Amino acid sequence: MSCPVFLRAQAGAVMLALKVQPRASRSELAGLLGSELKLKVTAPPVDSAANEAVIVFLAAQLGLPRRQITLVRGQTSPHKTIRLDGITLEEAARRLT
């Protein structure tokens, strides 16, 4: 299986490129948008609520503890880079597609 464009291996972790849409009617993966995976979350982009919702959603989707998911870039932007520890590139690709 080829690796999706929104995932890359880096220094023992998997980096995930996301485009986040806050205030959606429900939290869900919404396909590919350029080289990013689109993720809709119900939380508003206020006081890091949307960022927290992203981490909670990814933890459930990937079966990882929240401490293994780190927001690396994009605290205040809809374009985010997420570091995933404790999962292989292949497993992350399978669980996100």
PDB file of N, CA and C in Angstrom:
ATOM      1  N   MET A   1       0.856  -1.176   0.000  1.00  0.00           N
ATOM      2  CA  MET A   1       0.000   0.000   0.000  1.00  0.00           C
ATOM      3  C   MET A   1       0.900   1.236   0.000  1.00  0.00           C
ATOM      4  N   SER A   2       0.606   2.174  -0.861  1.00  0.00           N
ATOM      5  CA  SER A   2       1.421   3.393  -0.895  1.00  0.00           C
ATOM      6  C   SER A   2       0.981   4.326   0.224  1.00  0.00           C
ATOM      7  N   CYS A   3       1.926   5.127   0.672  1.00  0.00           N
ATOM      8  CA  CYS A   3       1.667   6.025   1.791  1.00  0.00           C
ATOM      9  C   CYS A   3       0.858   7.236   1.327  1.00  0.00           C
ATOM     10  N   PRO A   4      -0.217   7.594   2.025  1.00  0.00           N
ATOM     11  CA  PRO A   4      -0.980   8.804   1.665  1.00  0.00           C
ATOM     12  C   PRO A   4      -0.109  10.059   1.794  1.00  0.00           C
ATOM     13  N   VAL A   5      -0.407  11.075   0.995  1.00  0.00           N
ATOM     14  CA  VAL A   5       0.406  12.300   0.980  1.00  0.00           C
ATOM     15  C   VAL A   5       0.352  13.060   2.304  1.00  0.00           C
ATOM     16  N   PHE A   6      -0.674  12.849   3.114  1.00  0.00           N
ATOM     17  CA  PHE A   6      -0.811  13.592   4.369  1.00  0.00           C
ATOM     18  C   PHE A   6      -0.022  12.956   5.516  1.00  0.00           C
ATOM     19  N   LEU A   7       0.654  11.839   5.273  1.00  0.00           N
ATOM     20  CA  LEU A   7       1.450  11.159   6.299  1.00  0.00           C
ATOM     21  C   LEU A   7       2.904  11.068   5.873  1.00  0.00           C
ATOM     22  N   ARG A   8       3.820  11.228   6.834  1.00  0.00           N
ATOM     23  CA  ARG A   8       5.237  10.977   6.560  1.00  0.00           C
ATOM     24  C   ARG A   8       5.924  10.530   7.833  1.00  0.00           C
ATOM     25  N   ALA A   9       6.925   9.672   7.659  1.00  0.00           N
ATOM     26  CA  ALA A   9       7.713   9.196   8.800  1.00  0.00           C
ATOM     27  C   ALA A   9       8.795  10.219   9.095  1.00  0.00           C
ATOM     28  N   GLN A  10       9.027  10.473  10.392  1.00  0.00           N
ATOM     29  CA  GLN A  10      10.071  11.408  10.786  1.00  0.00           C
ATOM     30  C   GLN A  10      10.558  11.081  12.191  1.00  0.00           C
ATOM     31  N   ALA A  11      11.827  10.770  12.314  1.00  0.00           N
ATOM     32  CA  ALA A  11      12.482  10.576  13.612  1.00  0.00           C
ATOM     33  C   ALA A  11      11.687   9.680  14.565  1.00  0.00           C
ATOM     34  N   GLY A  12      11.338   8.491  14.109  1.00  0.00           N
ATOM     35  CA  GLY A  12      10.664   7.538  14.974  1.00  0.00           C
ATOM     36  C   GLY A  12       9.203   7.831  15.248  1.00  0.00           C
ATOM     37  N   ALA A  13       8.624   8.768  14.515  1.00  0.00           N
ATOM     38  CA  ALA A  13       7.207   9.106  14.685  1.00  0.00           C
ATOM     39  C   ALA A  13       6.565   9.238  13.305  1.00  0.00           C
ATOM     40  N   VAL A  14       5.268   9.440  13.305  1.00  0.00           N
ATOM     41  CA  VAL A  14       4.530   9.698  12.069  1.00  0.00           C
ATOM     42  C   VAL A  14       4.004  11.123  12.148  1.00  0.00           C
ATOM     43  N   MET A  15       4.223  11.900  11.100  1.00  0.00           N
ATOM     44  CA  MET A  15       3.722  13.271  11.032  1.00  0.00           C
ATOM     45  C   MET A  15       2.466  13.280  10.151  1.00  0.00           C
ATOM     46  N   LEU A  16       1.429  13.925  10.640  1.00  0.00           N
ATOM     47  CA  LEU A  16       0.135  13.980   9.963  1.00  0.00           C
ATOM     48  C   LEU A  16      -0.186  15.437   9.631  1.00  0.00           C
ATOM     49  N   ALA A  17      -0.467  15.705   8.354  1.00  0.00           N
ATOM     50  CA  ALA A  17      -0.850  17.058   7.920  1.00  0.00           C
ATOM     51  C   ALA A  17      -2.373  17.124   7.875  1.00  0.00           C
ATOM     52  N   LEU A  18      -2.949  18.071   8.621  1.00  0.00           N
ATOM     53  CA  LEU A  18      -4.403  18.213   8.718  1.00  0.00           C
ATOM     54  C   LEU A  18      -4.859  19.596   8.290  1.00  0.00           C
ATOM     55  N   LYS A  19      -6.060  19.653   7.735  1.00  0.00           N
ATOM     56  CA  LYS A  19      -6.799  20.903   7.549  1.00  0.00           C
ATOM     57  C   LYS A  19      -8.041  20.725   8.407  1.00  0.00           C
ATOM     58  N   VAL A  20      -8.157  21.548   9.447  1.00  0.00           N
ATOM     59  CA  VAL A  20      -9.241  21.392  10.420  1.00  0.00           C
ATOM     60  C   VAL A  20     -10.343  22.409  10.158  1.00  0.00           C
ATOM     61  N   GLN A  21     -11.573  21.914  10.140  1.00  0.00           N
ATOM     62  CA  GLN A  21     -12.741  22.787  10.028  1.00  0.00           C
ATOM     63  C   GLN A  21     -13.502  22.734  11.353  1.00  0.00           C
ATOM     64  N   PRO A  22     -13.408  23.812  12.160  1.00  0.00           N
ATOM     65  CA  PRO A  22     -14.145  23.832  13.426  1.00  0.00           C
ATOM     66  C   PRO A  22     -15.631  24.128  13.208  1.00  0.00           C
ATOM     67  N   ARG A  23     -16.410  23.985  14.274  1.00  0.00           N
ATOM     68  CA  ARG A  23     -17.855  24.263  14.265  1.00  0.00           C
ATOM     69  C   ARG A  23     -18.623  23.470  13.201  1.00  0.00           C
ATOM     70  N   ALA A  24     -18.196  22.247  12.942  1.00  0.00           N
ATOM     71  CA  ALA A  24     -18.923  21.396  12.002  1.00  0.00           C
ATOM     72  C   ALA A  24     -20.121  20.776  12.710  1.00  0.00           C
ATOM     73  N   SER A  25     -21.048  20.226  11.949  1.00  0.00           N
ATOM     74  CA  SER A  25     -22.228  19.613  12.565  1.00  0.00           C
ATOM     75  C   SER A  25     -21.863  18.318  13.288  1.00  0.00           C
ATOM     76  N   ARG A  26     -20.790  17.649  12.846  1.00  0.00           N
ATOM     77  CA  ARG A  26     -20.294  16.467  13.558  1.00  0.00           C
ATOM     78  C   ARG A  26     -18.801  16.306  13.290  1.00  0.00           C
ATOM     79  N   SER A  27     -18.108  15.627  14.187  1.00  0.00           N
ATOM     80  CA  SER A  27     -16.677  15.390  14.029  1.00  0.00           C
ATOM     81  C   SER A  27     -16.476  14.174  13.126  1.00  0.00           C
ATOM     82  N   GLU A  28     -15.696  14.370  12.059  1.00  0.00           N
ATOM     83  CA  GLU A  28     -15.468  13.286  11.105  1.00  0.00           C
ATOM     84  C   GLU A  28     -14.309  13.622  10.180  1.00  0.00           C
ATOM     85  N   LEU A  29     -13.723  12.566   9.612  1.00  0.00           N
ATOM     86  CA  LEU A  29     -12.733  12.746   8.555  1.00  0.00           C
ATOM     87  C   LEU A  29     -13.493  13.055   7.281  1.00  0.00           C
ATOM     88  N   ALA A  30     -12.996  14.034   6.518  1.00  0.00           N
ATOM     89  CA  ALA A  30     -13.755  14.484   5.346  1.00  0.00           C
ATOM     90  C   ALA A  30     -12.920  14.436   4.064  1.00  0.00           C
ATOM     91  N   GLY A  31     -12.028  13.469   3.970  1.00  0.00           N
ATOM     92  CA  GLY A  31     -11.292  13.270   2.733  1.00  0.00           C
ATOM     93  C   GLY A  31     -10.044  14.115   2.600  1.00  0.00           C
ATOM     94  N   LEU A  32      -9.507  14.094   1.403  1.00  0.00           N
ATOM     95  CA  LEU A  32      -8.247  14.757   1.102  1.00  0.00           C
ATOM     96  C   LEU A  32      -8.496  16.167   0.589  1.00  0.00           C
ATOM     97  N   LEU A  33      -7.672  17.101   1.042  1.00  0.00           N
ATOM     98  CA  LEU A  33      -7.745  18.480   0.573  1.00  0.00           C
ATOM     99  C   LEU A  33      -6.311  18.895   0.249  1.00  0.00           C
ATOM    100  N   GLY A  34      -5.944  18.815  -1.023  1.00  0.00           N
ATOM    101  CA  GLY A  34      -4.553  19.047  -1.410  1.00  0.00           C
ATOM    102  C   GLY A  34      -3.683  17.945  -0.821  1.00  0.00           C
ATOM    103  N   SER A  35      -2.668  18.325  -0.059  1.00  0.00           N
ATOM    104  CA  SER A  35      -1.790  17.325   0.564  1.00  0.00           C
ATOM    105  C   SER A  35      -2.111  17.145   2.051  1.00  0.00           C
ATOM    106  N   GLU A  36      -3.312  17.561   2.459  1.00  0.00           N
ATOM    107  CA  GLU A  36      -3.724  17.443   3.854  1.00  0.00           C
ATOM    108  C   GLU A  36      -4.996  16.598   3.955  1.00  0.00           C
ATOM    109  N   LEU A  37      -5.148  15.955   5.099  1.00  0.00           N
ATOM    110  CA  LEU A  37      -6.372  15.240   5.411  1.00  0.00           C
ATOM    111  C   LEU A  37      -7.316  16.238   6.076  1.00  0.00           C
ATOM    112  N   LYS A  38      -8.554  16.316   5.591  1.00  0.00           N
ATOM    113  CA  LYS A  38      -9.507  17.254   6.184  1.00  0.00           C
ATOM    114  C   LYS A  38     -10.219  16.584   7.348  1.00  0.00           C
ATOM    115  N   LEU A  39     -10.266  17.298   8.465  1.00  0.00           N
ATOM    116  CA  LEU A  39     -10.939  16.820   9.668  1.00  0.00           C
ATOM    117  C   LEU A  39     -11.918  17.881  10.139  1.00  0.00           C
ATOM    118  N   LYS A  40     -13.182  17.484  10.251  1.00  0.00           N
ATOM    119  CA  LYS A  40     -14.200  18.397  10.786  1.00  0.00           C
ATOM    120  C   LYS A  40     -14.387  18.081  12.267  1.00  0.00           C
ATOM    121  N   VAL A  41     -14.443  19.138  13.088  1.00  0.00           N
ATOM    122  CA  VAL A  41     -14.718  18.959  14.513  1.00  0.00           C
ATOM    123  C   VAL A  41     -15.850  19.891  14.921  1.00  0.00           C
ATOM    124  N   THR A  42     -16.612  19.478  15.917  1.00  0.00           N
ATOM    125  CA  THR A  42     -17.764  20.279  16.348  1.00  0.00           C
ATOM    126  C   THR A  42     -17.350  21.459  17.217  1.00  0.00           C
ATOM    127  N   ALA A  43     -16.176  21.385  17.813  1.00  0.00           N
ATOM    128  CA  ALA A  43     -15.732  22.436  18.742  1.00  0.00           C
ATOM    129  C   ALA A  43     -15.435  23.750  18.012  1.00  0.00           C
ATOM    130  N   PRO A  44     -15.653  24.873  18.681  1.00  0.00           N
ATOM    131  CA  PRO A  44     -15.314  26.173  18.081  1.00  0.00           C
ATOM    132  C   PRO A  44     -13.808  26.438  18.216  1.00  0.00           C
ATOM    133  N   PRO A  45     -13.266  27.321  17.381  1.00  0.00           N
ATOM    134  CA  PRO A  45     -11.830  27.615  17.452  1.00  0.00           C
ATOM    135  C   PRO A  45     -11.514  28.649  18.534  1.00  0.00           C
ATOM    136  N   VAL A  46     -11.966  28.387  19.745  1.00  0.00           N
ATOM    137  CA  VAL A  46     -11.810  29.326  20.853  1.00  0.00           C
ATOM    138  C   VAL A  46     -11.096  28.620  22.005  1.00  0.00           C
ATOM    139  N   ASP A  47     -10.106  29.281  22.608  1.00  0.00           N
ATOM    140  CA  ASP A  47      -9.387  28.744  23.768  1.00  0.00           C
ATOM    141  C   ASP A  47      -8.890  27.312  23.542  1.00  0.00           C
ATOM    142  N   SER A  48      -8.370  27.030  22.379  1.00  0.00           N
ATOM    143  CA  SER A  48      -7.813  25.713  22.031  1.00  0.00           C
ATOM    144  C   SER A  48      -8.843  24.583  22.060  1.00  0.00           C
ATOM    145  N   ALA A  49     -10.127  24.907  22.057  1.00  0.00           N
ATOM    146  CA  ALA A  49     -11.163  23.864  22.089  1.00  0.00           C
ATOM    147  C   ALA A  49     -11.090  22.984  20.846  1.00  0.00           C
ATOM    148  N   ALA A  50     -10.899  23.587  19.671  1.00  0.00           N
ATOM    149  CA  ALA A  50     -10.815  22.806  18.439  1.00  0.00           C
ATOM    150  C   ALA A  50      -9.556  21.935  18.443  1.00  0.00           C
ATOM    151  N   ASN A  51      -8.439  22.469  18.925  1.00  0.00           N
ATOM    152  CA  ASN A  51      -7.205  21.680  18.996  1.00  0.00           C
ATOM    153  C   ASN A  51      -7.388  20.468  19.906  1.00  0.00           C
ATOM    154  N   GLU A  52      -8.032  20.666  21.029  1.00  0.00           N
ATOM    155  CA  GLU A  52      -8.298  19.563  21.959  1.00  0.00           C
ATOM    156  C   GLU A  52      -9.223  18.536  21.309  1.00  0.00           C
ATOM    157  N   ALA A  53     -10.231  19.008  20.575  1.00  0.00           N
ATOM    158  CA  ALA A  53     -11.154  18.106  19.878  1.00  0.00           C
ATOM    159  C   ALA A  53     -10.424  17.279  18.821  1.00  0.00           C
ATOM    160  N   VAL A  54      -9.459  17.885  18.146  1.00  0.00           N
ATOM    161  CA  VAL A  54      -8.654  17.173  17.145  1.00  0.00           C
ATOM    162  C   VAL A  54      -7.896  16.026  17.818  1.00  0.00           C
ATOM    163  N   ILE A  55      -7.259  16.307  18.937  1.00  0.00           N
ATOM    164  CA  ILE A  55      -6.472  15.286  19.636  1.00  0.00           C
ATOM    165  C   ILE A  55      -7.363  14.159  20.151  1.00  0.00           C
ATOM    166  N   VAL A  56      -8.512  14.508  20.720  1.00  0.00           N
ATOM    167  CA  VAL A  56      -9.456  13.500  21.221  1.00  0.00           C
ATOM    168  C   VAL A  56      -9.959  12.630  20.066  1.00  0.00           C
ATOM    169  N   PHE A  57     -10.319  13.261  18.941  1.00  0.00           N
ATOM    170  CA  PHE A  57     -10.812  12.513  17.781  1.00  0.00           C
ATOM    171  C   PHE A  57      -9.739  11.559  17.258  1.00  0.00           C
ATOM    172  N   LEU A  58      -8.503  12.069  17.089  1.00  0.00           N
ATOM    173  CA  LEU A  58      -7.423  11.236  16.555  1.00  0.00           C
ATOM    174  C   LEU A  58      -7.077  10.094  17.506  1.00  0.00           C
ATOM    175  N   ALA A  59      -7.104  10.340  18.805  1.00  0.00           N
ATOM    176  CA  ALA A  59      -6.829   9.276  19.772  1.00  0.00           C
ATOM    177  C   ALA A  59      -7.820   8.130  19.605  1.00  0.00           C
ATOM    178  N   ALA A  60      -9.093   8.470  19.456  1.00  0.00           N
ATOM    179  CA  ALA A  60     -10.131   7.454  19.270  1.00  0.00           C
ATOM    180  C   ALA A  60      -9.975   6.752  17.914  1.00  0.00           C
ATOM    181  N   GLN A  61      -9.732   7.508  16.874  1.00  0.00           N
ATOM    182  CA  GLN A  61      -9.625   6.968  15.511  1.00  0.00           C
ATOM    183  C   GLN A  61      -8.406   6.043  15.372  1.00  0.00           C
ATOM    184  N   LEU A  62      -7.302   6.429  16.012  1.00  0.00           N
ATOM    185  CA  LEU A  62      -6.052   5.684  15.858  1.00  0.00           C
ATOM    186  C   LEU A  62      -5.817   4.659  16.959  1.00  0.00           C
ATOM    187  N   GLY A  63      -6.640   4.689  18.010  1.00  0.00           N
ATOM    188  CA  GLY A  63      -6.453   3.767  19.115  1.00  0.00           C
ATOM    189  C   GLY A  63      -5.185   4.058  19.909  1.00  0.00           C
ATOM    190  N   LEU A  64      -4.847   5.338  20.032  1.00  0.00           N
ATOM    191  CA  LEU A  64      -3.648   5.755  20.754  1.00  0.00           C
ATOM    192  C   LEU A  64      -4.031   6.541  22.000  1.00  0.00           C
ATOM    193  N   PRO A  65      -3.206   6.469  23.060  1.00  0.00           N
ATOM    194  CA  PRO A  65      -3.419   7.361  24.203  1.00  0.00           C
ATOM    195  C   PRO A  65      -3.174   8.811  23.773  1.00  0.00           C
ATOM    196  N   ARG A  66      -3.871   9.748  24.380  1.00  0.00           N
ATOM    197  CA  ARG A  66      -3.734  11.164  24.000  1.00  0.00           C
ATOM    198  C   ARG A  66      -2.314  11.671  24.161  1.00  0.00           C
ATOM    199  N   ARG A  67      -1.568  11.135  25.115  1.00  0.00           N
ATOM    200  CA  ARG A  67      -0.197  11.603  25.332  1.00  0.00           C
ATOM    201  C   ARG A  67       0.723  11.279  24.151  1.00  0.00           C
ATOM    202  N   GLN A  68       0.305  10.377  23.255  1.00  0.00           N
ATOM    203  CA  GLN A  68       1.119  10.012  22.088  1.00  0.00           C
ATOM    204  C   GLN A  68       0.756  10.842  20.854  1.00  0.00           C
ATOM    205  N   ILE A  69      -0.103  11.835  21.031  1.00  0.00           N
ATOM    206  CA  ILE A  69      -0.518  12.709  19.933  1.00  0.00           C
ATOM    207  C   ILE A  69      -0.161  14.142  20.315  1.00  0.00           C
ATOM    208  N   THR A  70       0.680  14.776  19.506  1.00  0.00           N
ATOM    209  CA  THR A  70       1.189  16.106  19.833  1.00  0.00           C
ATOM    210  C   THR A  70       0.931  17.068  18.685  1.00  0.00           C
ATOM    211  N   LEU A  71       0.363  18.226  19.000  1.00  0.00           N
ATOM    212  CA  LEU A  71       0.207  19.288  18.008  1.00  0.00           C
ATOM    213  C   LEU A  71       1.554  19.991  17.873  1.00  0.00           C
ATOM    214  N   VAL A  72       2.198  19.828  16.722  1.00  0.00           N
ATOM    215  CA  VAL A  72       3.541  20.361  16.509  1.00  0.00           C
ATOM    216  C   VAL A  72       3.480  21.772  15.924  1.00  0.00           C
ATOM    217  N   ARG A  73       2.571  21.970  14.968  1.00  0.00           N
ATOM    218  CA  ARG A  73       2.481  23.259  14.297  1.00  0.00           C
ATOM    219  C   ARG A  73       1.018  23.571  13.995  1.00  0.00           C
ATOM    220  N   GLY A  74       0.638  24.859  14.099  1.00  0.00           N
ATOM    221  CA  GLY A  74      -0.711  25.269  13.728  1.00  0.00           C
ATOM    222  C   GLY A  74      -1.640  25.509  14.893  1.00  0.00           C
ATOM    223  N   GLN A  75      -1.090  25.960  16.029  1.00  0.00           N
ATOM    224  CA  GLN A  75      -1.923  26.234  17.206  1.00  0.00           C
ATOM    225  C   GLN A  75      -3.134  27.104  16.865  1.00  0.00           C
ATOM    226  N   THR A  76      -2.932  28.136  16.046  1.00  0.00           N
ATOM    227  CA  THR A  76      -4.011  29.088  15.744  1.00  0.00           C
ATOM    228  C   THR A  76      -4.408  29.066  14.275  1.00  0.00           C
ATOM    229  N   SER A  77      -3.949  28.061  13.540  1.00  0.00           N
ATOM    230  CA  SER A  77      -4.237  27.959  12.108  1.00  0.00           C
ATOM    231  C   SER A  77      -5.085  26.721  11.843  1.00  0.00           C
ATOM    232  N   PRO A  78      -5.878  26.725  10.764  1.00  0.00           N
ATOM    233  CA  PRO A  78      -6.594  25.496  10.411  1.00  0.00           C
ATOM    234  C   PRO A  78      -5.652  24.430   9.836  1.00  0.00           C
ATOM    235  N   HIS A  79      -4.465  24.843   9.400  1.00  0.00           N
ATOM    236  CA  HIS A  79      -3.468  23.909   8.857  1.00  0.00           C
ATOM    237  C   HIS A  79      -2.567  23.456   9.996  1.00  0.00           C
ATOM    238  N   LYS A  80      -2.631  22.167  10.326  1.00  0.00           N
ATOM    239  CA  LYS A  80      -1.931  21.657  11.497  1.00  0.00           C
ATOM    240  C   LYS A  80      -1.013  20.492  11.133  1.00  0.00           C
ATOM    241  N   THR A  81       0.075  20.389  11.886  1.00  0.00           N
ATOM    242  CA  THR A  81       0.952  19.227  11.806  1.00  0.00           C
ATOM    243  C   THR A  81       0.885  18.526  13.161  1.00  0.00           C
ATOM    244  N   ILE A  82       0.571  17.243  13.108  1.00  0.00           N
ATOM    245  CA  ILE A  82       0.380  16.445  14.312  1.00  0.00           C
ATOM    246  C   ILE A  82       1.440  15.348  14.334  1.00  0.00           C
ATOM    247  N   ARG A  83       2.086  15.171  15.484  1.00  0.00           N
ATOM    248  CA  ARG A  83       3.057  14.087  15.658  1.00  0.00           C
ATOM    249  C   ARG A  83       2.363  12.921  16.346  1.00  0.00           C
ATOM    250  N   LEU A  84       2.492  11.730  15.751  1.00  0.00           N
ATOM    251  CA  LEU A  84       1.904  10.516  16.297  1.00  0.00           C
ATOM    252  C   LEU A  84       3.024   9.582  16.728  1.00  0.00           C
ATOM    253  N   ASP A  85       3.080   9.243  18.001  1.00  0.00           N
ATOM    254  CA  ASP A  85       4.084   8.311  18.507  1.00  0.00           C
ATOM    255  C   ASP A  85       3.436   6.962  18.778  1.00  0.00           C
ATOM    256  N   GLY A  86       4.217   5.906  18.646  1.00  0.00           N
ATOM    257  CA  GLY A  86       3.727   4.570  18.987  1.00  0.00           C
ATOM    258  C   GLY A  86       2.852   3.942  17.926  1.00  0.00           C
ATOM    259  N   ILE A  87       2.984   4.389  16.683  1.00  0.00           N
ATOM    260  CA  ILE A  87       2.209   3.818  15.581  1.00  0.00           C
ATOM    261  C   ILE A  87       3.082   3.856  14.326  1.00  0.00           C
ATOM    262  N   THR A  88       2.952   2.838  13.491  1.00  0.00           N
ATOM    263  CA  THR A  88       3.728   2.816  12.250  1.00  0.00           C
ATOM    264  C   THR A  88       3.008   3.635  11.179  1.00  0.00           C
ATOM    265  N   LEU A  89       3.756   4.012  10.169  1.00  0.00           N
ATOM    266  CA  LEU A  89       3.187   4.749   9.040  1.00  0.00           C
ATOM    267  C   LEU A  89       2.058   3.944   8.394  1.00  0.00           C
ATOM    268  N   GLU A  90       2.288   2.647   8.210  1.00  0.00           N
ATOM    269  CA  GLU A  90       1.295   1.776   7.559  1.00  0.00           C
ATOM    270  C   GLU A  90       0.017   1.673   8.391  1.00  0.00           C
ATOM    271  N   GLU A  91       0.185   1.526   9.715  1.00  0.00           N
ATOM    272  CA  GLU A  91      -0.982   1.410  10.594  1.00  0.00           C
ATOM    273  C   GLU A  91      -1.770   2.717  10.638  1.00  0.00           C
ATOM    274  N   ALA A  92      -1.066   3.850  10.699  1.00  0.00           N
ATOM    275  CA  ALA A  92      -1.747   5.148  10.688  1.00  0.00           C
ATOM    276  C   ALA A  92      -2.523   5.326   9.383  1.00  0.00           C
ATOM    277  N   ALA A  93      -1.904   4.962   8.273  1.00  0.00           N
ATOM    278  CA  ALA A  93      -2.580   5.077   6.969  1.00  0.00           C
ATOM    279  C   ALA A  93      -3.837   4.225   6.929  1.00  0.00           C
ATOM    280  N   ARG A  94      -3.741   2.999   7.457  1.00  0.00           N
ATOM    281  CA  ARG A  94      -4.896   2.090   7.452  1.00  0.00           C
ATOM    282  C   ARG A  94      -6.037   2.645   8.309  1.00  0.00           C
ATOM    283  N   ARG A  95      -5.719   3.182   9.471  1.00  0.00           N
ATOM    284  CA  ARG A  95      -6.773   3.648  10.379  1.00  0.00           C
ATOM    285  C   ARG A  95      -7.378   4.997   9.975  1.00  0.00           C
ATOM    286  N   LEU A  96      -6.675   5.750   9.129  1.00  0.00           N
ATOM    287  CA  LEU A  96      -7.191   7.060   8.711  1.00  0.00           C
ATOM    288  C   LEU A  96      -7.842   7.060   7.330  1.00  0.00           C
ATOM    289  N   THR A  97      -7.761   5.922   6.624  1.00  0.00           N
ATOM    290  CA  THR A  97      -8.364   5.881   5.280  1.00  0.00           C
ATOM    291  C   THR A  97      -9.468   4.857   5.200  1.00  0.00           C
TER     292      THR A  97
END
